[in-house]
C-alpha atoms as a PDB file:
ATOM      1  CA  MET A   1       0.000   0.000   0.000  1.00  0.00           C
ATOM      2  CA  LYS A   2       1.380   3.422  -0.949  1.00  0.00           C
ATOM      3  CA  PHE A   3       1.879   5.712   2.013  1.00  0.00           C
ATOM      4  CA  SER A   4       0.603   8.665  -0.033  1.00  0.00           C
ATOM      5  CA  ARG A   5      -2.799   6.970  -0.346  1.00  0.00           C
ATOM      6  CA  LEU A   6      -3.104   6.791   3.426  1.00  0.00           C
ATOM      7  CA  LEU A   7      -2.436  10.524   3.702  1.00  0.00           C
ATOM      8  CA  ASN A   8      -4.906  11.414   0.957  1.00  0.00           C
ATOM      9  CA  PRO A   9      -8.493  12.223   2.038  1.00  0.00           C
ATOM     10  CA  ALA A  10      -9.896  11.427  -1.423  1.00  0.00           C
ATOM     11  CA  HIS A  11      -9.890   7.735  -0.532  1.00  0.00           C
ATOM     12  CA  LEU A  12     -12.272   8.267   2.370  1.00  0.00           C
ATOM     13  CA  ALA A  13     -15.171   8.565  -0.067  1.00  0.00           C
ATOM     14  CA  SER A  14     -15.383   4.773  -0.268  1.00  0.00           C
ATOM     15  CA  ASN A  15     -15.328   4.245   3.486  1.00  0.00           C
ATOM     16  CA  THR A  16     -18.579   3.012   5.036  1.00  0.00           C
ATOM     17  CA  VAL A  17     -18.329   5.690   7.741  1.00  0.00           C
ATOM     18  CA  ALA A  18     -18.178   8.542   5.265  1.00  0.00           C
ATOM     19  CA  SER A  19     -21.474   7.414   3.729  1.00  0.00           C
ATOM     20  CA  GLY A  20     -23.388   8.419   6.856  1.00  0.00           C
ATOM     21  CA  ALA A  21     -23.021   5.619   9.420  1.00  0.00           C
ATOM     22  CA  LEU A  22     -20.836   6.057  12.491  1.00  0.00           C
ATOM     23  CA  THR A  23     -19.422   2.534  12.456  1.00  0.00           C
ATOM     24  CA  GLY A  24     -15.829   2.050  11.366  1.00  0.00           C
ATOM     25  CA  ARG A  25     -12.342   3.076  12.330  1.00  0.00           C
ATOM     26  CA  TYR A  26     -11.061   6.507  13.304  1.00  0.00           C
ATOM     27  CA  THR A  27      -7.767   7.983  14.419  1.00  0.00           C
ATOM     28  CA  LEU A  28      -7.514  10.682  17.075  1.00  0.00           C
ATOM     29  CA  VAL A  29      -4.801  13.165  18.028  1.00  0.00           C
ATOM     30  CA  VAL A  30      -4.834  14.979  21.382  1.00  0.00           C
ATOM     31  CA  ALA A  31      -2.847  18.195  21.046  1.00  0.00           C
ATOM     32  CA  ALA A  32      -0.508  18.839  23.951  1.00  0.00           C
ATOM     33  CA  SER A  33       1.263  21.915  25.331  1.00  0.00           C
ATOM     34  CA  ALA A  34       2.809  24.681  23.250  1.00  0.00           C
ATOM     35  CA  ASP A  35       5.518  24.915  25.888  1.00  0.00           C
ATOM     36  CA  GLY A  36       7.425  21.639  26.178  1.00  0.00           C
ATOM     37  CA  GLU A  37       9.244  22.651  29.352  1.00  0.00           C
ATOM     38  CA  THR A  38       6.340  22.505  31.823  1.00  0.00           C
ATOM     39  CA  ALA A  39       4.206  19.958  29.898  1.00  0.00           C
ATOM     40  CA  PRO A  40       4.672  17.655  26.881  1.00  0.00           C
ATOM     41  CA  LEU A  41       5.026  19.397  23.521  1.00  0.00           C
ATOM     42  CA  GLY A  42       4.125  16.283  21.497  1.00  0.00           C
ATOM     43  CA  ASP A  43       0.652  15.031  20.622  1.00  0.00           C
ATOM     44  CA  GLY A  44      -1.056  12.021  22.164  1.00  0.00           C
ATOM     45  CA  TYR A  45      -2.945   9.705  19.848  1.00  0.00           C
ATOM     46  CA  ALA A  46      -5.417   6.829  19.653  1.00  0.00           C
ATOM     47  CA  SER A  47      -7.115   4.409  17.298  1.00  0.00           C
ATOM     48  CA  LEU A  48     -10.888   4.086  17.702  1.00  0.00           C
ATOM     49  CA  ARG A  49     -13.214   1.402  16.462  1.00  0.00           C
ATOM     50  CA  VAL A  50     -16.947   2.098  16.501  1.00  0.00           C
ATOM     51  CA  GLY A  51     -19.146  -0.990  16.476  1.00  0.00           C
ATOM     52  CA  ALA A  52     -22.664  -1.315  15.097  1.00  0.00           C
ATOM     53  CA  GLY A  53     -24.146  -1.204  18.598  1.00  0.00           C
ATOM     54  CA  GLY A  54     -22.471   2.084  19.476  1.00  0.00           C
ATOM     55  CA  THR A  55     -19.619   0.549  21.466  1.00  0.00           C
ATOM     56  CA  VAL A  56     -16.307   2.338  20.964  1.00  0.00           C
ATOM     57  CA  THR A  57     -12.916   0.784  21.680  1.00  0.00           C
ATOM     58  CA  LEU A  58     -10.118   3.309  22.169  1.00  0.00           C
ATOM     59  CA  LEU A  59      -6.427   2.358  22.206  1.00  0.00           C
ATOM     60  CA  GLY A  60      -3.470   4.724  22.212  1.00  0.00           C
ATOM     61  CA  SER A  61      -1.038   6.784  24.260  1.00  0.00           C
ATOM     62  CA  LEU A  62      -0.730  10.250  25.746  1.00  0.00           C
ATOM     63  CA  ALA A  63       2.440  12.216  25.060  1.00  0.00           C
ATOM     64  CA  ASP A  64       4.023  11.288  28.396  1.00  0.00           C
ATOM     65  CA  GLY A  65       3.658   7.575  27.646  1.00  0.00           C
ATOM     66  CA  SER A  66       0.470   7.035  29.656  1.00  0.00           C
ATOM     67  CA  LYS A  67      -1.662   4.386  27.970  1.00  0.00           C
ATOM     68  CA  LEU A  68      -5.133   5.155  26.675  1.00  0.00           C
ATOM     69  CA  VAL A  69      -7.228   2.007  26.842  1.00  0.00           C
ATOM     70  CA  LYS A  70     -10.988   2.338  27.171  1.00  0.00           C
ATOM     71  CA  THR A  71     -14.308   0.942  25.955  1.00  0.00           C
ATOM     72  CA  VAL A  72     -17.238   3.361  26.033  1.00  0.00           C
ATOM     73  CA  THR A  73     -20.715   3.725  24.520  1.00  0.00           C
ATOM     74  CA  ILE A  74     -21.824   6.545  22.241  1.00  0.00           C
ATOM     75  CA  PHE A  75     -24.190   8.920  24.029  1.00  0.00           C
ATOM     76  CA  GLY A  76     -26.952  11.015  22.474  1.00  0.00           C
ATOM     77  CA  GLY A  77     -26.447   9.771  18.939  1.00  0.00           C
ATOM     78  CA  ALA A  78     -22.902  10.937  18.187  1.00  0.00           C
ATOM     79  CA  ASP A  79     -21.285  12.105  21.449  1.00  0.00           C
ATOM     80  CA  LEU A  80     -18.439  10.128  22.936  1.00  0.00           C
ATOM     81  CA  PRO A  81     -17.669  10.475  26.673  1.00  0.00           C
ATOM     82  CA  VAL A  82     -14.036   9.888  27.579  1.00  0.00           C
ATOM     83  CA  TYR A  83     -12.692   9.194  31.057  1.00  0.00           C
ATOM     84  CA  VAL A  84      -9.440   7.340  31.634  1.00  0.00           C
ATOM     85  CA  PRO A  85      -7.870   7.337  35.131  1.00  0.00           C
ATOM     86  CA  LEU A  86      -4.102   7.845  35.195  1.00  0.00           C
ATOM     87  CA  ASN A  87      -1.263   7.757  37.722  1.00  0.00           C
ATOM     88  CA  ARG A  88      -2.963   5.194  39.971  1.00  0.00           C
ATOM     89  CA  GLY A  89      -6.156   7.219  40.078  1.00  0.00           C
ATOM     90  CA  LYS A  90      -4.502  10.535  41.003  1.00  0.00           C
ATOM     91  CA  GLY A  91      -4.666  11.862  37.460  1.00  0.00           C
ATOM     92  CA  ALA A  92      -7.050  11.491  34.548  1.00  0.00           C
ATOM     93  CA  VAL A  93      -7.939  12.439  31.007  1.00  0.00           C
ATOM     94  CA  PHE A  94     -11.611  13.268  30.503  1.00  0.00           C
ATOM     95  CA  GLY A  95     -13.930  15.162  28.201  1.00  0.00           C
ATOM     96  CA  TRP A  96     -16.320  14.823  25.276  1.00  0.00           C
ATOM     97  CA  LEU A  97     -15.687  14.021  21.629  1.00  0.00           C
ATOM     98  CA  LYS A  98     -18.197  14.234  18.800  1.00  0.00           C
ATOM     99  CA  LEU A  99     -18.396  11.966  15.765  1.00  0.00           C
ATOM    100  CA  THR A 100     -19.267  13.901  12.593  1.00  0.00           C
ATOM    101  CA  PRO A 101     -18.089  11.696   9.697  1.00  0.00           C
ATOM    102  CA  GLY A 102     -17.934  13.368   6.329  1.00  0.00           C
ATOM    103  CA  SER A 103     -17.217  16.845   7.732  1.00  0.00           C
ATOM    104  CA  SER A 104     -13.878  18.681   7.753  1.00  0.00           C
ATOM    105  CA  GLU A 105     -13.122  16.856  11.007  1.00  0.00           C
ATOM    106  CA  ASP A 106     -14.743  13.459  11.473  1.00  0.00           C
ATOM    107  CA  LEU A 107     -13.975  13.473  15.195  1.00  0.00           C
ATOM    108  CA  SER A 108     -13.425  16.509  17.410  1.00  0.00           C
ATOM    109  CA  GLY A 109     -13.797  17.798  20.941  1.00  0.00           C
ATOM    110  CA  GLN A 110     -11.923  18.882  24.019  1.00  0.00           C
ATOM    111  CA  VAL A 111     -10.343  16.907  26.837  1.00  0.00           C
ATOM    112  CA  HIS A 112      -8.748  17.761  30.164  1.00  0.00           C
ATOM    113  CA  TRP A 113      -5.477  16.065  31.004  1.00  0.00           C
ATOM    114  CA  ILE A 114      -4.492  16.177  34.675  1.00  0.00           C
ATOM    115  CA  SER A 115      -1.093  14.852  35.699  1.00  0.00           C
ATOM    116  CA  PRO A 116      -0.374  15.235  39.456  1.00  0.00           C
ATOM    117  CA  PRO A 117       3.062  16.058  40.892  1.00  0.00           C
ATOM    118  CA  SER A 118       5.299  13.027  41.372  1.00  0.00           C
ATOM    119  CA  THR A 119       8.949  12.709  42.336  1.00  0.00           C
ATOM    120  CA  ARG A 120       9.038   9.323  40.619  1.00  0.00           C
ATOM    121  CA  ARG A 121       8.763  10.815  37.144  1.00  0.00           C
ATOM    122  CA  LYS A 122      11.791  11.788  35.096  1.00  0.00           C
ATOM    123  CA  ARG A 123       9.786  14.327  33.112  1.00  0.00           C
ATOM    124  CA  TYR A 124       7.314  16.954  34.352  1.00  0.00           C
ATOM    125  CA  ALA A 125       7.548  15.963  38.009  1.00  0.00           C
ATOM    126  CA  THR A 126       5.688  19.110  39.095  1.00  0.00           C
ATOM    127  CA  GLY A 127       2.564  17.970  37.257  1.00  0.00           C
ATOM    128  CA  PHE A 128       0.267  19.885  34.917  1.00  0.00           C
ATOM    129  CA  HIS A 129      -3.339  20.413  33.837  1.00  0.00           C
ATOM    130  CA  LEU A 130      -3.913  20.809  30.110  1.00  0.00           C
ATOM    131  CA  VAL A 131      -7.132  21.556  28.273  1.00  0.00           C
ATOM    132  CA  SER A 132      -6.420  20.000  24.901  1.00  0.00           C
ATOM    133  CA  PRO A 133      -8.339  20.000  21.616  1.00  0.00           C
ATOM    134  CA  GLY A 134      -8.942  16.610  20.054  1.00  0.00           C
ATOM    135  CA  HIS A 135      -8.771  16.224  16.269  1.00  0.00           C
ATOM    136  CA  GLY A 136      -9.753  13.068  14.422  1.00  0.00           C
ATOM    137  CA  SER A 137     -10.375  11.446  11.099  1.00  0.00           C
ATOM    138  CA  VAL A 138     -12.155   8.479   9.625  1.00  0.00           C
ATOM    139  CA  TYR A 139      -9.485   5.893   8.858  1.00  0.00           C
ATOM    140  CA  ASN A 140      -9.744   3.615   5.836  1.00  0.00           C
ATOM    141  CA  TRP A 141      -6.886   1.106   5.870  1.00  0.00           C
ATOM    142  CA  GLN A 142      -8.221  -0.577   2.701  1.00  0.00           C
ATOM    143  CA  ALA A 143      -7.833   2.565   0.604  1.00  0.00           C
ATOM    144  CA  ASP A 144      -5.793   0.710  -2.010  1.00  0.00           C
ATOM    145  CA  GLU A 145      -8.261  -2.139  -2.325  1.00  0.00           C
ATOM    146  CA  VAL A 146     -11.591  -0.373  -2.785  1.00  0.00           C
ATOM    147  CA  GLU A 147     -13.060   0.849  -6.045  1.00  0.00           C
ATOM    148  CA  HIS A 148     -13.629   4.600  -6.196  1.00  0.00           C
ATOM    149  CA  GLU A 149     -17.381   5.062  -6.243  1.00  0.00           C
ATOM    150  CA  ARG A 150     -17.142   8.853  -6.375  1.00  0.00           C
ATOM    151  CA  GLY A 151     -14.471   9.113  -9.025  1.00  0.00           C
ATOM    152  CA  SER A 152     -13.892  12.855  -9.334  1.00  0.00           C
ATOM    153  CA  ALA A 153     -11.518  13.635  -6.470  1.00  0.00           C
ATOM    154  CA  ALA A 154      -9.865  10.232  -6.437  1.00  0.00           C
ATOM    155  CA  ASP A 155      -9.325  10.136 -10.201  1.00  0.00           C
ATOM    156  CA  LEU A 156      -7.768  13.592 -10.231  1.00  0.00           C
ATOM    157  CA  ASP A 157      -5.119  12.399  -7.787  1.00  0.00           C
ATOM    158  CA  ASP A 158      -4.303   9.121  -9.533  1.00  0.00           C
ATOM    159  CA  ASP A 159      -1.263  10.381 -11.475  1.00  0.00           C
ATOM    160  CA  LYS A 160       0.170  11.985  -8.363  1.00  0.00           C
ATOM    161  CA  LEU A 161      -0.390   8.864  -6.296  1.00  0.00           C
ATOM    162  CA  ARG A 162       1.450   6.669  -8.765  1.00  0.00           C
ATOM    163  CA  GLN A 163       4.591   8.689  -8.156  1.00  0.00           C
ATOM    164  CA  GLN A 164       7.053   7.651  -5.466  1.00  0.00           C
ATOM    165  CA  PRO A 165       5.608   9.270  -2.329  1.00  0.00           C
ATOM    166  CA  ILE A 166       7.826  11.626  -0.355  1.00  0.00           C
ATOM    167  CA  ALA A 167       7.075  13.156   3.036  1.00  0.00           C
ATOM    168  CA  ARG A 168       8.780  15.462   5.515  1.00  0.00           C
ATOM    169  CA  LEU A 169       9.522  14.218   9.015  1.00  0.00           C
ATOM    170  CA  VAL A 170       9.982  17.148  11.401  1.00  0.00           C
ATOM    171  CA  LEU A 171      10.935  16.817  15.075  1.00  0.00           C
ATOM    172  CA  THR A 172      10.833  19.783  17.460  1.00  0.00           C
ATOM    173  CA  GLY A 173      11.425  20.173  21.193  1.00  0.00           C
ATOM    174  CA  GLY A 174      12.371  17.156  23.281  1.00  0.00           C
ATOM    175  CA  ASN A 175      15.759  18.698  24.210  1.00  0.00           C
ATOM    176  CA  LEU A 176      16.810  18.980  20.561  1.00  0.00           C
ATOM    177  CA  PRO A 177      18.933  22.075  19.784  1.00  0.00           C
ATOM    178  CA  GLY A 178      16.485  22.995  17.014  1.00  0.00           C
ATOM    179  CA  ALA A 179      14.027  21.508  14.558  1.00  0.00           C
ATOM    180  CA  VAL A 180      15.309  18.361  12.808  1.00  0.00           C
ATOM    181  CA  THR A 181      13.853  17.832   9.329  1.00  0.00           C
ATOM    182  CA  ASN A 182      14.263  14.799   7.098  1.00  0.00           C
ATOM    183  CA  GLU A 183      12.938  13.895   3.677  1.00  0.00           C
ATOM    184  CA  VAL A 184      11.491  10.383   3.772  1.00  0.00           C
ATOM    185  CA  ARG A 185      10.789   8.306   0.660  1.00  0.00           C
ATOM    186  CA  PHE A 186       8.295   5.434   0.793  1.00  0.00           C
ATOM    187  CA  GLY A 187       7.944   2.310  -1.338  1.00  0.00           C
ATOM    188  CA  GLU A 188       4.851   0.595  -2.698  1.00  0.00           C
ATOM    189  CA  GLN A 189       4.088  -1.188   0.589  1.00  0.00           C
ATOM    190  CA  GLY A 190       4.556   1.893   2.768  1.00  0.00           C
ATOM    191  CA  GLN A 191       8.097   0.955   3.821  1.00  0.00           C
ATOM    192  CA  VAL A 192      10.868   3.544   4.069  1.00  0.00           C
ATOM    193  CA  VAL A 193      13.187   3.117   1.087  1.00  0.00           C
ATOM    194  CA  GLY A 194      15.296   6.201   1.701  1.00  0.00           C
ATOM    195  CA  SER A 195      15.733   9.230   3.941  1.00  0.00           C
ATOM    196  CA  ALA A 196      18.002  12.256   4.098  1.00  0.00           C
ATOM    197  CA  PRO A 197      20.006  13.553   5.772  1.00  0.00           C
ATOM    198  CA  ASP A 198      19.473  11.106   8.662  1.00  0.00           C
ATOM    199  CA  ALA A 199      18.551   7.426   8.990  1.00  0.00           C
ATOM    200  CA  VAL A 200      14.784   6.962   9.527  1.00  0.00           C
ATOM    201  CA  ARG A 201      12.924   3.746  10.251  1.00  0.00           C
ATOM    202  CA  LEU A 202       9.128   3.555  10.306  1.00  0.00           C
ATOM    203  CA  ILE A 203       6.728   0.763  11.212  1.00  0.00           C
ATOM    204  CA  PHE A 204       3.164   1.489  10.183  1.00  0.00           C
ATOM    205  CA  SER A 205       0.002  -0.435  11.101  1.00  0.00           C
ATOM    206  CA  ARG A 206      -2.365  -0.383   8.124  1.00  0.00           C
ATOM    207  CA  ARG A 207      -5.217  -1.689  10.253  1.00  0.00           C
ATOM    208  CA  THR A 208      -5.115   0.996  12.972  1.00  0.00           C
ATOM    209  CA  GLY A 209      -3.418   3.989  11.350  1.00  0.00           C
ATOM    210  CA  LEU A 210      -0.832   4.127  14.150  1.00  0.00           C
ATOM    211  CA  PHE A 211       2.917   4.041  13.672  1.00  0.00           C
ATOM    212  CA  THR A 212       6.255   3.869  15.490  1.00  0.00           C
ATOM    213  CA  GLY A 213       9.689   4.771  14.240  1.00  0.00           C
ATOM    214  CA  THR A 214      13.277   5.646  14.989  1.00  0.00           C
ATOM    215  CA  LEU A 215      15.635   8.420  13.919  1.00  0.00           C
ATOM    216  CA  ASP A 216      19.429   8.440  14.163  1.00  0.00           C
ATOM    217  CA  THR A 217      20.633  12.032  14.039  1.00  0.00           C
ATOM    218  CA  TRP A 218      23.672  14.055  15.091  1.00  0.00           C
ATOM    219  CA  ALA A 219      21.295  16.382  16.997  1.00  0.00           C
ATOM    220  CA  ALA A 220      20.549  13.782  19.709  1.00  0.00           C
ATOM    221  CA  PRO A 221      22.980  11.782  21.876  1.00  0.00           C
ATOM    222  CA  ARG A 222      21.111   8.546  21.180  1.00  0.00           C
ATOM    223  CA  ARG A 223      18.523   7.050  18.822  1.00  0.00           C
ATOM    224  CA  ILE A 224      15.173   8.834  18.954  1.00  0.00           C
ATOM    225  CA  ARG A 225      12.066   6.669  19.156  1.00  0.00           C
ATOM    226  CA  PHE A 226       8.806   8.253  18.078  1.00  0.00           C
ATOM    227  CA  GLN A 227       5.149   7.234  17.679  1.00  0.00           C
ATOM    228  CA  GLY A 228       1.858   8.673  16.538  1.00  0.00           C
ATOM    229  CA  ALA A 229      -1.194   8.445  14.273  1.00  0.00           C
ATOM    230  CA  ILE A 230      -2.203   9.353  10.736  1.00  0.00           C
ATOM    231  CA  LEU A 231      -5.074  11.781  10.179  1.00  0.00           C
ATOM    232  CA  GLN A 232      -6.276  10.893   6.687  1.00  0.00           C
ATOM    233  CA  ARG A 233      -8.847  13.681   6.426  1.00  0.00           C
ATOM    234  CA  GLN A 234      -6.197  16.276   7.304  1.00  0.00           C
ATOM    235  CA  SER A 235      -3.487  14.582   5.161  1.00  0.00           C
ATOM    236  CA  PHE A 236      -0.716  14.403   7.759  1.00  0.00           C
ATOM    237  CA  ALA A 237       0.494  12.394  10.738  1.00  0.00           C
ATOM    238  CA  THR A 238       1.607  13.587  14.146  1.00  0.00           C
ATOM    239  CA  GLY A 239       2.784  12.261  17.509  1.00  0.00           C
ATOM    240  CA  TYR A 240       5.562  12.534  20.073  1.00  0.00           C
ATOM    241  CA  PHE A 241       9.035  11.443  21.138  1.00  0.00           C
ATOM    242  CA  SER A 242      10.822  11.554  24.488  1.00  0.00           C
ATOM    243  CA  GLY A 243      13.992  13.543  25.073  1.00  0.00           C
ATOM    244  CA  THR A 244      16.186  13.639  28.161  1.00  0.00           C
ATOM    245  CA  ASN A 245      13.674  15.487  30.344  1.00  0.00           C
ATOM    246  CA  GLU A 246      11.221  16.904  27.812  1.00  0.00           C
ATOM    247  CA  VAL A 247       8.739  15.430  25.326  1.00  0.00           C
ATOM    248  CA  GLY A 248       8.948  16.648  21.726  1.00  0.00           C
ATOM    249  CA  HIS A 249       6.572  16.837  18.786  1.00  0.00           C
ATOM    250  CA  ILE A 250       6.758  15.050  15.430  1.00  0.00           C
ATOM    251  CA  TYR A 251       5.092  15.880  12.125  1.00  0.00           C
ATOM    252  CA  LEU A 252       4.980  13.613   9.094  1.00  0.00           C
ATOM    253  CA  GLY A 253       3.404  14.865   5.907  1.00  0.00           C
ATOM    254  CA  PRO A 254       3.733  17.043   2.795  1.00  0.00           C
END
């Protein structure tokens, strides 16, 4: 599967969710702090699966490494309540998300992220309380295998999509001396076939829209490990990586 197809919203036209039903897969990004010194700069993320009965399974990670694992039920037709206890019950992430497939954002809302002070943590030991916007997209992992039923947008992009896809990988914060940018080239199956100027490795889950990767760069004393999620509707991917005592942000896209 070409990576460029996964970043292209034209392929969402064939997804069952985009036709009006809520069922299907989504990806979600929880924007973090604009600071990076007092709270994580990177974005948390999750994969969501909405079942026919309105049950939603959420699986992902906040930018400090806290796991997001929850099963909830849609409320009021399209509203999704989120509450995940953290830090042994002393912290939490909570709020409301709304499913609006077919719009500019298929999933959106606002969540509170409370992380209490803790001397056990290497990063952000003083704690923080963030009010973070949530941005999401329908995710269609079979974009290469479906026939375009609404040909206009998809057909216009066909020539472009046949080209070797190239994306920019940009890392900021996380104790780096400055932004680190790499050009990443992908093969037919979404694998990295080249990167410059640094060595990039990427492992992408077609089923969930989540990914992990590594970067070897002169700007960091050791290999950087990053993770995140693709937002197909918005045509980019985002996530986080951990530095020495700060969490940085990653962007992957045009």
